[in-house]
Structure formats: structure tokens, C-alpha cells
């Protein structure tokens, strides 16, 4: 894939490293010359670095936006990330745009425009809130186009093992929210695909596919069964 990153700060640099290591073609647009000079020193030679404003279509063109598969905006300014993603999608027809969102209140605006928004603030606060409750649930992957989320639900270890016996996935499924599916269970060092006869035990980590926004209902349903 050809990936363009607007923003050569720590996030952009880390992302470029990861994508290059994965064999992808990467171009980074950054308007701060000191950052460009640093990237030239730390990134592999195959990385293309453009000194310029990522909100300017001419610099996106220099980065190969016409043939890009993904455009990622990682700057610290939400307005710049929004504008650069819009240009990539509307001018160059880049099929996928992902943006760092510094103010969680702006996430809705990005998503309404078809831009995949990632807010570290909301992710961190959500994890803290979840970890403070029994039966933690972690969003592993968000499938935004289909409005689905893959989550990990950690079943509380405080449940008594004997009370769980006989509770199969087939029995549990009707109690879960609509459009929720148990797909795998981790127990110790093993991970197994579940079937109707799989029995859940205290301390298991269950992977669930559910409708976005239903993660808490899934957790509550699993952790209050016994």
C-alpha cells in the first residue's frame, strides 16, 4: 500500500516506522524543517519526505496522493487534520482517511465527513473507566464502516467455578444484546474458537463482535449471568 502521513511528530514518525517495516510505501508531509531533518536521519531511505503544508493539494500531489491507499493526519491541530483529510478524499479520491482527533468533541464532525477519527483522550479515559469496574472490556478493533466493534471481555475471577458449570455458549447467546456474537475464548496461554458447547470459566477472556455502543451491555450480560 501507499500511505501518506501528514505530520512528522512522534506519532507520525512511529507510524512511518511501522508501515515501512511492513513493506508499505510511505510519504510524510511536514512543514517544520527541523522535524523533516530528524525524519531524514531516523527513517529508512525509502521513505519520501515532503517539506510543506499537508493542507495544500500541491504538496499532497508531490507525496503521491493520486495513487495513495490511505491518508493519515497526525498533527496536533484538529482543523489541519480535518482539512488535509478532506483534500485527500475529495481532490485525490484517496479511499480511506484516518485522523488524530485531539478534542474528543470533534470526533462526530470527522465521522460525519467519512473520516475515521482516533482520539487518544477518549480512548485513555474510556480504558480508565472500564478498568475501574469489574469485568473489564477492551475495544480491540473498530470496524467503522460496518459499525461493529471487536472487544475483549475479562470475566471476573471472583465468580465461583462451580456456579459456572453447565453455562454453555448456546445457553448464553440468547441473553446477549442483538447483533452480538461470541467468537473466541482465552484461558491461560490458550486461545480457542468457541462453539455452542464451549463453557465459560472465571478469569476467561472472551472475544466478542458487537454493534458499536453495545460493549457495556455485552460485558454486563456476561458478568451477571452467574
Protein backbone atom coordinates (compact mmCIF):
# COMPACT_ATOMS: atom_id res chain seq x y z
CA UNK A 1 0.00 0.00 0.00
CA UNK A 2 0.97 3.62 -0.49
CA UNK A 3 0.39 5.57 2.73
CA UNK A 4 0.67 9.33 3.19
CA UNK A 5 1.18 10.73 6.69
CA UNK A 6 0.51 14.40 7.35
CA UNK A 7 2.55 15.31 10.43
CA UNK A 8 6.09 14.28 11.25
CA UNK A 9 5.92 14.41 15.03
CA UNK A 10 6.27 11.45 17.36
CA UNK A 11 3.05 9.79 16.20
CA UNK A 12 3.83 10.30 12.52
CA UNK A 13 7.39 9.08 12.96
CA UNK A 14 6.30 5.93 14.82
CA UNK A 15 3.61 5.19 12.25
CA UNK A 16 6.06 5.65 9.37
CA UNK A 17 8.50 3.23 11.01
CA UNK A 18 5.78 0.59 11.45
CA UNK A 19 4.41 0.92 7.93
CA UNK A 20 7.85 0.84 6.32
CA UNK A 21 8.73 -2.25 8.36
CA UNK A 22 5.57 -3.85 6.99
CA UNK A 23 6.75 -3.32 3.43
CA UNK A 24 4.47 -0.39 2.59
CA UNK A 25 5.41 2.75 0.66
CA UNK A 26 5.30 5.80 2.92
CA UNK A 27 5.40 9.54 2.31
CA UNK A 28 5.46 12.04 5.18
CA UNK A 29 4.39 15.68 4.80
CA UNK A 30 5.73 18.04 7.47
CA UNK A 31 6.08 21.83 7.42
CA UNK A 32 8.65 22.04 10.21
CA UNK A 33 12.15 21.75 8.69
CA UNK A 34 13.73 20.55 11.94
CA UNK A 35 11.29 17.65 12.05
CA UNK A 36 11.97 16.82 8.42
CA UNK A 37 15.69 16.81 9.09
CA UNK A 38 15.17 14.43 12.01
CA UNK A 39 12.98 12.12 9.93
CA UNK A 40 15.67 12.03 7.26
CA UNK A 41 18.08 10.72 9.90
CA UNK A 42 15.86 8.16 11.64
CA UNK A 43 13.68 6.76 8.85
CA UNK A 44 14.85 4.28 6.20
CA UNK A 45 15.95 5.80 2.90
CA UNK A 46 12.89 4.54 1.03
CA UNK A 47 10.65 6.95 2.97
CA UNK A 48 9.62 10.01 0.95
CA UNK A 49 9.69 13.24 2.95
CA UNK A 50 7.92 16.40 1.79
CA UNK A 51 8.63 19.77 3.40
CA UNK A 52 5.33 21.61 3.17
CA UNK A 53 1.76 22.08 4.39
CA UNK A 54 -0.35 18.93 4.26
CA UNK A 55 -3.43 21.11 3.72
CA UNK A 56 -2.00 22.24 0.37
CA UNK A 57 -3.05 19.98 -2.51
CA UNK A 58 0.25 20.58 -4.34
CA UNK A 59 2.23 19.01 -1.51
CA UNK A 60 -0.20 16.10 -1.33
CA UNK A 61 0.32 15.64 -5.05
CA UNK A 62 4.10 15.58 -4.50
CA UNK A 63 3.54 12.86 -1.90
CA UNK A 64 1.71 10.73 -4.47
CA UNK A 65 -1.84 11.27 -3.20
CA UNK A 66 -3.26 10.36 -6.61
CA UNK A 67 -2.16 6.78 -6.04
CA UNK A 68 -2.44 6.64 -2.24
CA UNK A 69 -4.44 3.94 -0.49
CA UNK A 70 -4.58 5.64 2.93
CA UNK A 71 -4.11 9.22 4.11
CA UNK A 72 -3.36 9.68 7.82
CA UNK A 73 -3.33 13.07 9.57
CA UNK A 74 -1.42 13.06 12.86
CA UNK A 75 -0.77 16.75 13.59
CA UNK A 76 -1.71 18.39 16.87
CA UNK A 77 -4.32 20.62 15.22
CA UNK A 78 -7.77 19.19 14.57
CA UNK A 79 -8.61 21.77 11.89
CA UNK A 80 -5.48 20.90 9.91
CA UNK A 81 -6.19 17.19 10.21
CA UNK A 82 -9.76 17.71 9.05
CA UNK A 83 -8.86 19.88 6.05
CA UNK A 84 -5.97 17.70 4.90
CA UNK A 85 -8.14 14.56 5.04
CA UNK A 86 -10.94 16.28 3.10
CA UNK A 87 -8.49 17.34 0.38
CA UNK A 88 -7.10 13.82 0.14
CA UNK A 89 -10.58 12.32 -0.27
CA UNK A 90 -12.23 14.99 -2.45
CA UNK A 91 -9.34 16.08 -4.66
CA UNK A 92 -7.37 12.84 -4.97
CA UNK A 93 -10.09 10.27 -4.22
CA UNK A 94 -7.99 8.57 -1.54
CA UNK A 95 -10.28 5.72 -0.44
CA UNK A 96 -9.52 5.90 3.27
CA UNK A 97 -8.65 8.81 5.57
CA UNK A 98 -7.73 8.48 9.24
CA UNK A 99 -7.22 11.43 11.56
CA UNK A 100 -5.89 12.04 15.03
CA UNK A 101 -8.53 14.00 16.96
CA UNK A 102 -7.16 15.98 19.89
CA UNK A 103 -10.53 17.20 21.18
CA UNK A 104 -12.98 14.28 21.63
CA UNK A 105 -15.87 16.69 20.99
CA UNK A 106 -14.74 16.89 17.36
CA UNK A 107 -14.95 13.14 16.70
CA UNK A 108 -18.55 13.37 15.50
CA UNK A 109 -17.64 16.00 12.88
CA UNK A 110 -14.85 13.87 11.44
CA UNK A 111 -17.02 10.77 11.25
CA UNK A 112 -19.88 12.64 9.58
CA UNK A 113 -17.44 13.54 6.81
CA UNK A 114 -16.34 9.94 6.38
CA UNK A 115 -13.02 10.38 8.16
CA UNK A 116 -12.01 7.69 10.66
CA UNK A 117 -11.34 9.59 13.89
CA UNK A 118 -8.95 8.37 16.58
CA UNK A 119 -8.96 10.27 19.88
CA UNK A 120 -6.29 9.24 22.38
CA UNK A 121 -8.05 11.30 25.06
CA UNK A 122 -11.33 9.42 24.77
CA UNK A 123 -9.58 6.04 24.44
CA UNK A 124 -7.49 6.59 27.59
CA UNK A 125 -10.41 7.92 29.65
CA UNK A 126 -12.56 5.02 28.50
CA UNK A 127 -9.93 2.46 29.50
CA UNK A 128 -9.55 4.06 32.94
CA UNK A 129 -13.31 4.00 33.45
CA UNK A 130 -13.56 0.37 32.35
CA UNK A 131 -10.58 -0.83 34.40
CA UNK A 132 -12.23 0.63 37.50
CA UNK A 133 -15.16 -1.74 37.07
CA UNK A 134 -15.36 -5.50 37.45
CA UNK A 135 -15.18 -7.40 34.20
CA UNK A 136 -13.04 -5.15 32.03
CA UNK A 137 -13.86 -4.81 28.35
CA UNK A 138 -11.29 -3.58 25.83
CA UNK A 139 -12.16 -2.45 22.30
CA UNK A 140 -9.60 -4.29 20.20
CA UNK A 141 -10.71 -3.12 16.78
CA UNK A 142 -13.38 -0.77 15.48
CA UNK A 143 -14.91 -1.73 12.15
CA UNK A 144 -16.34 1.72 11.48
CA UNK A 145 -17.71 1.02 8.00
CA UNK A 146 -19.93 -1.73 9.36
CA UNK A 147 -20.48 -0.06 12.76
CA UNK A 148 -19.05 -3.13 14.51
CA UNK A 149 -16.53 -3.49 17.33
CA UNK A 150 -14.36 -6.45 18.29
CA UNK A 151 -13.95 -6.42 22.09
CA UNK A 152 -12.24 -8.43 24.80
CA UNK A 153 -14.29 -9.05 27.93
CA UNK A 154 -12.41 -10.28 31.00
CA UNK A 155 -14.74 -12.38 33.18
CA UNK A 156 -14.34 -11.59 36.90
CA UNK A 157 -12.18 -14.08 38.77
CA UNK A 158 -14.37 -13.64 41.83
CA UNK A 159 -17.06 -15.91 40.38
CA UNK A 160 -17.18 -19.39 41.85
CA UNK A 161 -16.18 -22.04 39.38
CA UNK A 162 -18.95 -24.45 40.37
CA UNK A 163 -21.59 -21.82 39.65
CA UNK A 164 -20.37 -21.51 36.06
CA UNK A 165 -20.53 -25.18 35.19
CA UNK A 166 -23.21 -26.02 32.64
CA UNK A 167 -23.34 -22.49 31.18
CA UNK A 168 -22.59 -23.11 27.54
CA UNK A 169 -22.25 -20.51 24.80
CA UNK A 170 -25.50 -21.81 23.32
CA UNK A 171 -27.29 -21.01 26.59
CA UNK A 172 -25.64 -17.62 26.94
CA UNK A 173 -26.19 -16.33 23.40
CA UNK A 174 -29.93 -15.51 23.76
CA UNK A 175 -29.11 -13.30 26.77
CA UNK A 176 -26.64 -11.11 24.84
CA UNK A 177 -27.68 -7.87 23.07
CA UNK A 178 -28.89 -8.19 19.49
CA UNK A 179 -26.13 -8.39 16.84
CA UNK A 180 -23.58 -9.73 19.36
CA UNK A 181 -21.51 -12.85 18.77
CA UNK A 182 -19.01 -14.70 20.97
CA UNK A 183 -16.13 -15.73 18.72
CA UNK A 184 -13.20 -16.89 20.90
CA UNK A 185 -12.12 -17.51 24.47
CA UNK A 186 -8.68 -17.17 26.03
CA UNK A 187 -7.83 -19.34 29.01
CA UNK A 188 -4.30 -19.17 30.36
CA UNK A 189 -1.95 -19.32 27.39
CA UNK A 190 -4.52 -20.86 25.02
CA UNK A 191 -6.99 -19.20 22.68
CA UNK A 192 -9.85 -21.21 21.17
CA UNK A 193 -12.72 -20.52 18.79
CA UNK A 194 -15.98 -21.01 20.66
CA UNK A 195 -18.88 -23.23 19.66
CA UNK A 196 -22.25 -23.90 21.19
CA UNK A 197 -20.85 -26.37 23.73
CA UNK A 198 -18.00 -24.13 24.98
CA UNK A 199 -18.24 -23.43 28.73
CA UNK A 200 -17.01 -20.11 30.11
CA UNK A 201 -14.98 -20.04 33.33
CA UNK A 202 -13.89 -17.31 35.80
CA UNK A 203 -10.83 -15.46 34.50
CA UNK A 204 -11.55 -16.29 30.86
CA UNK A 205 -11.07 -13.53 28.30
CA UNK A 206 -13.86 -13.64 25.75
CA UNK A 207 -13.68 -12.02 22.33
CA UNK A 208 -16.98 -10.60 21.15
CA UNK A 209 -18.18 -8.94 17.95
CA UNK A 210 -20.98 -6.48 18.67
CA UNK A 211 -22.74 -3.39 17.42
CA UNK A 212 -20.79 -0.24 18.27
CA UNK A 213 -22.07 1.19 21.56
CA UNK A 214 -23.21 -2.18 22.92
CA UNK A 215 -19.89 -3.07 24.61
CA UNK A 216 -21.17 -2.29 28.12
CA UNK A 217 -24.33 -4.33 27.58
CA UNK A 218 -22.23 -7.28 26.43
CA UNK A 219 -19.99 -7.00 29.49
CA UNK A 220 -22.93 -6.74 31.87
CA UNK A 221 -24.66 -9.71 30.27
CA UNK A 222 -21.56 -11.90 30.57
CA UNK A 223 -20.54 -10.83 34.07
CA UNK A 224 -24.01 -11.03 35.66
CA UNK A 225 -25.00 -14.46 34.40
CA UNK A 226 -23.86 -16.36 37.48
